[in-house]
């Protein structure tokens, strides 16, 4: 469980960092529907769609089935997660979180040695 949470936070950080490398794109999100639809149907790996402002990541929902759609607004530093039921197409908001404080943390839920311990070991005494 700890590794899954840590992995999710690392992936989230990479996605947000990647947004800085994506140039401005004037296409609207709906124009990317075909790419996301194939991902939702499981015919390709999870998609990352970056428009001019939002990052969208699609992934299987696991035990409950369906898809999870994670929407990240890097400007407002907010992340939302939606569950899409495969059979009905019903969309439910699972959670919303302002991640600005999360991104300022130096470490959380890490095994030893922590980043702070590594930094203190590498600094001259």
N, C-alpha and C. Protein backbone atom coordinates (compact mmCIF):
# COMPACT_ATOMS: atom_id res chain seq x y z
N UNK A 1 0.83 -1.19 0.00
CA UNK A 1 0.00 0.00 0.00
C UNK A 1 0.87 1.25 0.00
N UNK A 2 1.93 1.24 0.84
CA UNK A 2 2.83 2.39 0.90
C UNK A 2 3.47 2.64 -0.45
N UNK A 3 3.91 1.57 -1.10
CA UNK A 3 4.57 1.73 -2.40
C UNK A 3 3.60 2.22 -3.46
N UNK A 4 2.34 1.78 -3.39
CA UNK A 4 1.34 2.23 -4.36
C UNK A 4 1.09 3.72 -4.20
N UNK A 5 1.00 4.19 -2.97
CA UNK A 5 0.77 5.62 -2.73
C UNK A 5 1.99 6.41 -3.18
N UNK A 6 3.17 5.94 -2.81
CA UNK A 6 4.40 6.63 -3.21
C UNK A 6 4.52 6.65 -4.73
N UNK A 7 4.23 5.53 -5.36
CA UNK A 7 4.29 5.45 -6.82
C UNK A 7 3.32 6.42 -7.47
N UNK A 8 2.12 6.51 -6.90
CA UNK A 8 1.12 7.45 -7.43
C UNK A 8 1.59 8.89 -7.31
N UNK A 9 2.18 9.23 -6.16
CA UNK A 9 2.68 10.59 -5.97
C UNK A 9 3.83 10.90 -6.92
N UNK A 10 4.72 9.92 -7.14
CA UNK A 10 5.83 10.13 -8.06
C UNK A 10 5.30 10.32 -9.47
N UNK A 11 4.32 9.48 -9.89
CA UNK A 11 3.73 9.62 -11.22
C UNK A 11 3.05 10.97 -11.37
N UNK A 12 2.33 11.38 -10.34
CA UNK A 12 1.66 12.67 -10.37
C UNK A 12 2.68 13.80 -10.54
N UNK A 13 3.77 13.72 -9.80
CA UNK A 13 4.82 14.73 -9.93
C UNK A 13 5.42 14.76 -11.32
N UNK A 14 5.63 13.58 -11.91
CA UNK A 14 6.17 13.51 -13.27
C UNK A 14 5.20 14.09 -14.28
N UNK A 15 3.90 13.81 -14.09
CA UNK A 15 2.90 14.35 -15.01
C UNK A 15 2.87 15.87 -14.92
N UNK A 16 2.89 16.40 -13.71
CA UNK A 16 2.86 17.85 -13.54
C UNK A 16 4.14 18.47 -14.10
N UNK A 17 5.28 17.82 -13.86
CA UNK A 17 6.53 18.33 -14.42
C UNK A 17 6.50 18.28 -15.94
N UNK A 18 5.91 17.24 -16.50
CA UNK A 18 5.81 17.11 -17.95
C UNK A 18 4.97 18.19 -18.59
N UNK A 19 4.02 18.71 -17.85
CA UNK A 19 3.18 19.78 -18.39
C UNK A 19 4.03 20.98 -18.77
N UNK A 20 5.08 21.23 -18.03
CA UNK A 20 5.95 22.36 -18.33
C UNK A 20 6.66 22.21 -19.67
N UNK A 21 6.83 20.96 -20.14
CA UNK A 21 7.51 20.71 -21.40
C UNK A 21 6.57 20.67 -22.59
N UNK A 22 5.29 20.67 -22.33
CA UNK A 22 4.31 20.61 -23.41
C UNK A 22 4.03 22.03 -23.88
N UNK A 23 4.15 22.25 -25.16
CA UNK A 23 3.88 23.59 -25.71
C UNK A 23 2.40 23.89 -25.69
N UNK A 24 2.06 25.14 -25.89
CA UNK A 24 0.66 25.55 -25.92
C UNK A 24 0.00 24.85 -27.09
N UNK A 25 -1.17 24.33 -26.85
CA UNK A 25 -1.90 23.57 -27.85
C UNK A 25 -3.31 24.11 -27.89
N UNK A 26 -3.75 24.59 -29.02
CA UNK A 26 -5.06 25.24 -29.11
C UNK A 26 -6.20 24.28 -29.40
N UNK A 27 -5.92 22.99 -29.57
CA UNK A 27 -7.01 22.04 -29.80
C UNK A 27 -7.82 21.90 -28.53
N UNK A 28 -9.11 21.74 -28.68
CA UNK A 28 -9.95 21.53 -27.51
C UNK A 28 -9.88 20.08 -27.09
N UNK A 29 -10.24 19.81 -25.85
CA UNK A 29 -10.12 18.46 -25.31
C UNK A 29 -10.96 17.46 -26.08
N UNK A 30 -12.13 17.87 -26.57
CA UNK A 30 -13.02 16.95 -27.28
C UNK A 30 -12.37 16.39 -28.53
N UNK A 31 -11.42 17.09 -29.13
CA UNK A 31 -10.76 16.60 -30.32
C UNK A 31 -9.86 15.41 -30.03
N UNK A 32 -9.59 15.15 -28.76
CA UNK A 32 -8.74 14.03 -28.39
C UNK A 32 -9.57 12.84 -27.93
N UNK A 33 -10.89 12.90 -28.13
CA UNK A 33 -11.78 11.87 -27.61
C UNK A 33 -11.45 10.49 -28.15
N UNK A 34 -11.05 10.40 -29.40
CA UNK A 34 -10.74 9.10 -29.98
C UNK A 34 -9.60 8.40 -29.26
N UNK A 35 -8.56 9.15 -28.94
CA UNK A 35 -7.43 8.58 -28.21
C UNK A 35 -7.84 8.11 -26.83
N UNK A 36 -8.66 8.91 -26.13
CA UNK A 36 -9.10 8.53 -24.80
C UNK A 36 -10.08 7.37 -24.84
N UNK A 37 -10.94 7.34 -25.85
CA UNK A 37 -11.92 6.26 -25.94
C UNK A 37 -11.22 4.91 -26.10
N UNK A 38 -10.18 4.85 -26.93
CA UNK A 38 -9.47 3.58 -27.08
C UNK A 38 -8.79 3.17 -25.79
N UNK A 39 -8.34 4.15 -25.01
CA UNK A 39 -7.73 3.84 -23.73
C UNK A 39 -8.76 3.31 -22.74
N UNK A 40 -9.93 3.94 -22.72
CA UNK A 40 -10.99 3.52 -21.81
C UNK A 40 -11.45 2.11 -22.13
N UNK A 41 -11.47 1.76 -23.41
CA UNK A 41 -11.89 0.42 -23.80
C UNK A 41 -10.80 -0.61 -23.57
N UNK A 42 -9.63 -0.19 -23.17
CA UNK A 42 -8.56 -1.12 -22.83
C UNK A 42 -7.73 -1.55 -24.01
N UNK A 43 -7.85 -0.88 -25.16
CA UNK A 43 -7.10 -1.28 -26.34
C UNK A 43 -5.71 -0.69 -26.38
N UNK A 44 -5.39 0.20 -25.46
CA UNK A 44 -4.06 0.78 -25.42
C UNK A 44 -3.71 1.11 -23.98
N UNK A 45 -2.45 1.42 -23.70
CA UNK A 45 -2.09 1.77 -22.33
C UNK A 45 -2.79 3.06 -21.91
N UNK A 46 -2.82 3.37 -20.61
CA UNK A 46 -3.45 4.59 -20.14
C UNK A 46 -2.95 5.81 -20.91
N UNK A 47 -3.89 6.67 -21.28
CA UNK A 47 -3.55 7.85 -22.08
C UNK A 47 -3.23 9.04 -21.20
N UNK A 48 -2.34 9.86 -21.67
CA UNK A 48 -2.10 11.15 -21.03
C UNK A 48 -2.38 12.18 -22.11
N UNK A 49 -3.41 12.99 -21.89
CA UNK A 49 -3.77 14.01 -22.87
C UNK A 49 -3.53 15.37 -22.27
N UNK A 50 -2.68 16.15 -22.90
CA UNK A 50 -2.39 17.48 -22.38
C UNK A 50 -2.87 18.52 -23.38
N UNK A 51 -3.83 19.31 -23.00
CA UNK A 51 -4.28 20.41 -23.82
C UNK A 51 -3.57 21.67 -23.37
N UNK A 52 -4.23 22.78 -23.52
CA UNK A 52 -3.60 24.03 -23.14
C UNK A 52 -3.57 24.21 -21.62
N UNK A 53 -4.45 23.51 -20.88
CA UNK A 53 -4.49 23.72 -19.44
C UNK A 53 -4.60 22.46 -18.61
N UNK A 54 -5.27 21.42 -19.06
CA UNK A 54 -5.54 20.26 -18.24
C UNK A 54 -4.71 19.05 -18.67
N UNK A 55 -4.42 18.19 -17.69
CA UNK A 55 -3.78 16.91 -17.95
C UNK A 55 -4.79 15.85 -17.55
N UNK A 56 -5.01 14.86 -18.44
CA UNK A 56 -5.99 13.82 -18.18
C UNK A 56 -5.30 12.47 -18.29
N UNK A 57 -5.46 11.62 -17.26
CA UNK A 57 -4.87 10.29 -17.24
C UNK A 57 -5.98 9.29 -17.02
N UNK A 58 -6.07 8.31 -17.90
CA UNK A 58 -7.08 7.27 -17.80
C UNK A 58 -6.42 5.98 -17.36
N UNK A 59 -7.08 5.24 -16.45
CA UNK A 59 -6.52 3.97 -15.98
C UNK A 59 -7.65 3.04 -15.56
N UNK A 60 -7.41 1.73 -15.56
CA UNK A 60 -8.43 0.79 -15.10
C UNK A 60 -8.78 1.04 -13.64
N UNK A 61 -10.05 0.82 -13.28
CA UNK A 61 -10.52 1.09 -11.92
C UNK A 61 -10.24 -0.05 -10.95
N UNK A 62 -9.71 -1.15 -11.41
CA UNK A 62 -9.37 -2.24 -10.50
C UNK A 62 -10.55 -3.11 -10.16
N UNK A 63 -10.70 -3.43 -8.87
CA UNK A 63 -11.71 -4.38 -8.40
C UNK A 63 -13.13 -3.98 -8.75
N UNK A 64 -13.43 -2.68 -8.71
CA UNK A 64 -14.79 -2.23 -8.98
C UNK A 64 -15.12 -2.21 -10.47
N UNK A 65 -14.13 -2.32 -11.32
CA UNK A 65 -14.35 -2.29 -12.76
C UNK A 65 -14.52 -0.89 -13.29
N UNK A 66 -14.60 -0.78 -14.61
CA UNK A 66 -14.73 0.52 -15.24
C UNK A 66 -13.38 1.20 -15.38
N UNK A 67 -13.42 2.52 -15.48
CA UNK A 67 -12.22 3.33 -15.66
C UNK A 67 -12.16 4.43 -14.62
N UNK A 68 -10.96 4.81 -14.28
CA UNK A 68 -10.74 6.01 -13.47
C UNK A 68 -10.15 7.06 -14.39
N UNK A 69 -10.69 8.25 -14.32
CA UNK A 69 -10.19 9.36 -15.11
C UNK A 69 -9.68 10.42 -14.13
N UNK A 70 -8.37 10.67 -14.17
CA UNK A 70 -7.77 11.66 -13.29
C UNK A 70 -7.53 12.92 -14.10
N UNK A 71 -8.07 14.03 -13.62
CA UNK A 71 -7.93 15.32 -14.29
C UNK A 71 -7.10 16.23 -13.39
N UNK A 72 -6.01 16.76 -13.93
CA UNK A 72 -5.12 17.61 -13.16
C UNK A 72 -5.08 18.99 -13.80
N UNK A 73 -5.33 20.00 -12.99
CA UNK A 73 -5.20 21.38 -13.43
C UNK A 73 -3.91 21.91 -12.83
N UNK A 74 -2.80 21.94 -13.61
CA UNK A 74 -1.52 22.34 -13.06
C UNK A 74 -1.46 23.82 -12.66
N UNK A 75 -2.29 24.64 -13.25
CA UNK A 75 -2.28 26.06 -12.89
C UNK A 75 -2.89 26.27 -11.51
N UNK A 76 -4.02 25.61 -11.25
CA UNK A 76 -4.67 25.75 -9.94
C UNK A 76 -4.16 24.71 -8.94
N UNK A 77 -3.36 23.74 -9.42
CA UNK A 77 -2.81 22.66 -8.59
C UNK A 77 -3.93 21.90 -7.89
N UNK A 78 -4.89 21.46 -8.71
CA UNK A 78 -6.03 20.69 -8.22
C UNK A 78 -6.12 19.40 -9.03
N UNK A 79 -6.42 18.30 -8.34
CA UNK A 79 -6.57 17.01 -8.97
C UNK A 79 -7.97 16.47 -8.67
N UNK A 80 -8.64 15.95 -9.70
CA UNK A 80 -9.97 15.36 -9.54
C UNK A 80 -9.93 13.94 -10.10
N UNK A 81 -10.68 13.04 -9.47
CA UNK A 81 -10.76 11.66 -9.95
C UNK A 81 -12.22 11.31 -10.18
N UNK A 82 -12.50 10.78 -11.38
CA UNK A 82 -13.85 10.37 -11.76
C UNK A 82 -13.85 8.87 -12.04
N UNK A 83 -14.94 8.19 -11.67
CA UNK A 83 -15.12 6.77 -12.00
C UNK A 83 -16.14 6.70 -13.12
N UNK A 84 -15.81 5.96 -14.18
CA UNK A 84 -16.72 5.77 -15.30
C UNK A 84 -17.11 4.31 -15.35
N UNK A 85 -18.41 4.01 -15.20
CA UNK A 85 -18.89 2.64 -15.25
C UNK A 85 -18.95 2.20 -16.71
N UNK A 86 -18.33 1.07 -17.02
CA UNK A 86 -18.26 0.58 -18.40
C UNK A 86 -19.64 0.24 -18.95
N UNK A 87 -20.47 -0.41 -18.15
CA UNK A 87 -21.76 -0.88 -18.65
C UNK A 87 -22.74 0.25 -18.93
N UNK A 88 -22.77 1.27 -18.08
CA UNK A 88 -23.78 2.31 -18.20
C UNK A 88 -23.24 3.64 -18.69
N UNK A 89 -21.92 3.85 -18.59
CA UNK A 89 -21.34 5.13 -18.96
C UNK A 89 -21.52 6.18 -17.88
N UNK A 90 -22.07 5.79 -16.74
CA UNK A 90 -22.29 6.72 -15.64
C UNK A 90 -20.94 7.24 -15.14
N UNK A 91 -20.89 8.55 -14.89
CA UNK A 91 -19.68 9.19 -14.40
C UNK A 91 -19.94 9.69 -12.99
N UNK A 92 -19.06 9.31 -12.07
CA UNK A 92 -19.20 9.75 -10.68
C UNK A 92 -17.90 10.40 -10.22
N UNK A 93 -18.02 11.55 -9.58
CA UNK A 93 -16.86 12.21 -9.00
C UNK A 93 -16.46 11.46 -7.74
N UNK A 94 -15.23 10.95 -7.73
CA UNK A 94 -14.73 10.19 -6.58
C UNK A 94 -14.06 11.09 -5.55
N UNK A 95 -13.22 12.02 -6.03
CA UNK A 95 -12.52 12.90 -5.10
C UNK A 95 -11.95 14.11 -5.82
N UNK A 96 -11.72 15.16 -5.06
CA UNK A 96 -11.07 16.38 -5.54
C UNK A 96 -10.09 16.81 -4.45
N UNK A 97 -8.91 17.25 -4.87
CA UNK A 97 -7.92 17.65 -3.87
C UNK A 97 -7.03 18.76 -4.42
N UNK A 98 -6.81 19.76 -3.60
CA UNK A 98 -5.84 20.79 -3.90
C UNK A 98 -4.48 20.20 -3.52
N UNK A 99 -3.58 20.06 -4.49
CA UNK A 99 -2.30 19.38 -4.25
C UNK A 99 -1.15 20.36 -4.03
N UNK A 100 -1.44 21.65 -3.93
CA UNK A 100 -0.35 22.62 -3.79
C UNK A 100 0.49 22.36 -2.54
N UNK A 101 -0.14 22.01 -1.43
CA UNK A 101 0.62 21.73 -0.20
C UNK A 101 1.34 20.39 -0.30
N UNK A 102 0.71 19.41 -0.98
CA UNK A 102 1.36 18.12 -1.18
C UNK A 102 2.69 18.29 -1.91
N UNK A 103 2.68 19.15 -2.93
CA UNK A 103 3.87 19.34 -3.75
C UNK A 103 4.99 20.08 -3.03
N UNK A 104 4.68 20.69 -1.89
CA UNK A 104 5.71 21.39 -1.13
C UNK A 104 6.35 20.52 -0.06
N UNK A 105 5.85 19.31 0.13
CA UNK A 105 6.42 18.42 1.15
C UNK A 105 7.76 17.89 0.69
N UNK A 106 8.67 17.78 1.60
CA UNK A 106 10.00 17.25 1.30
C UNK A 106 10.01 15.73 1.29
N UNK A 107 9.19 15.11 2.14
CA UNK A 107 9.11 13.66 2.19
C UNK A 107 7.84 13.25 2.93
N UNK A 108 7.34 12.09 2.57
CA UNK A 108 6.14 11.56 3.22
C UNK A 108 6.09 10.07 2.95
N UNK A 109 5.89 9.31 3.99
CA UNK A 109 5.69 7.88 3.83
C UNK A 109 6.84 7.21 3.09
N UNK A 110 8.08 7.59 3.43
CA UNK A 110 9.25 7.03 2.76
C UNK A 110 10.00 6.10 3.70
N UNK A 111 10.68 5.15 3.11
CA UNK A 111 11.51 4.24 3.89
C UNK A 111 12.85 4.90 4.17
N UNK A 112 13.57 4.33 5.13
CA UNK A 112 14.89 4.83 5.48
C UNK A 112 15.88 4.39 4.40
N UNK A 113 16.82 5.18 4.04
CA UNK A 113 17.04 6.55 4.50
C UNK A 113 16.08 7.51 3.79
N UNK A 114 15.59 8.49 4.52
CA UNK A 114 14.71 9.50 3.96
C UNK A 114 15.54 10.51 3.17
N UNK A 115 14.92 11.31 2.30
CA UNK A 115 15.68 12.33 1.58
C UNK A 115 16.43 13.28 2.51
N UNK A 116 15.84 13.63 3.64
CA UNK A 116 16.53 14.52 4.59
C UNK A 116 17.78 13.84 5.15
N UNK A 117 17.68 12.56 5.48
CA UNK A 117 18.85 11.83 6.00
C UNK A 117 19.94 11.72 4.94
N UNK A 118 19.57 11.47 3.71
CA UNK A 118 20.56 11.38 2.63
C UNK A 118 21.26 12.72 2.44
N UNK A 119 20.48 13.80 2.44
CA UNK A 119 21.05 15.13 2.30
C UNK A 119 22.03 15.43 3.42
N UNK A 120 21.67 15.08 4.67
CA UNK A 120 22.56 15.36 5.81
C UNK A 120 23.84 14.51 5.73
N UNK A 121 23.75 13.29 5.18
CA UNK A 121 24.94 12.45 5.03
C UNK A 121 25.89 12.98 3.95
N UNK A 122 25.33 13.63 2.93
CA UNK A 122 26.17 14.08 1.82
C UNK A 122 26.77 15.47 2.06
N UNK A 123 26.26 16.20 3.06
CA UNK A 123 26.81 17.53 3.33
C UNK A 123 28.08 17.40 4.15
N UNK A 124 29.08 18.25 3.87
CA UNK A 124 30.34 18.19 4.65
C UNK A 124 30.08 18.58 6.11
N UNK A 125 30.84 17.94 6.99
CA UNK A 125 30.68 18.20 8.42
C UNK A 125 31.62 19.25 8.90
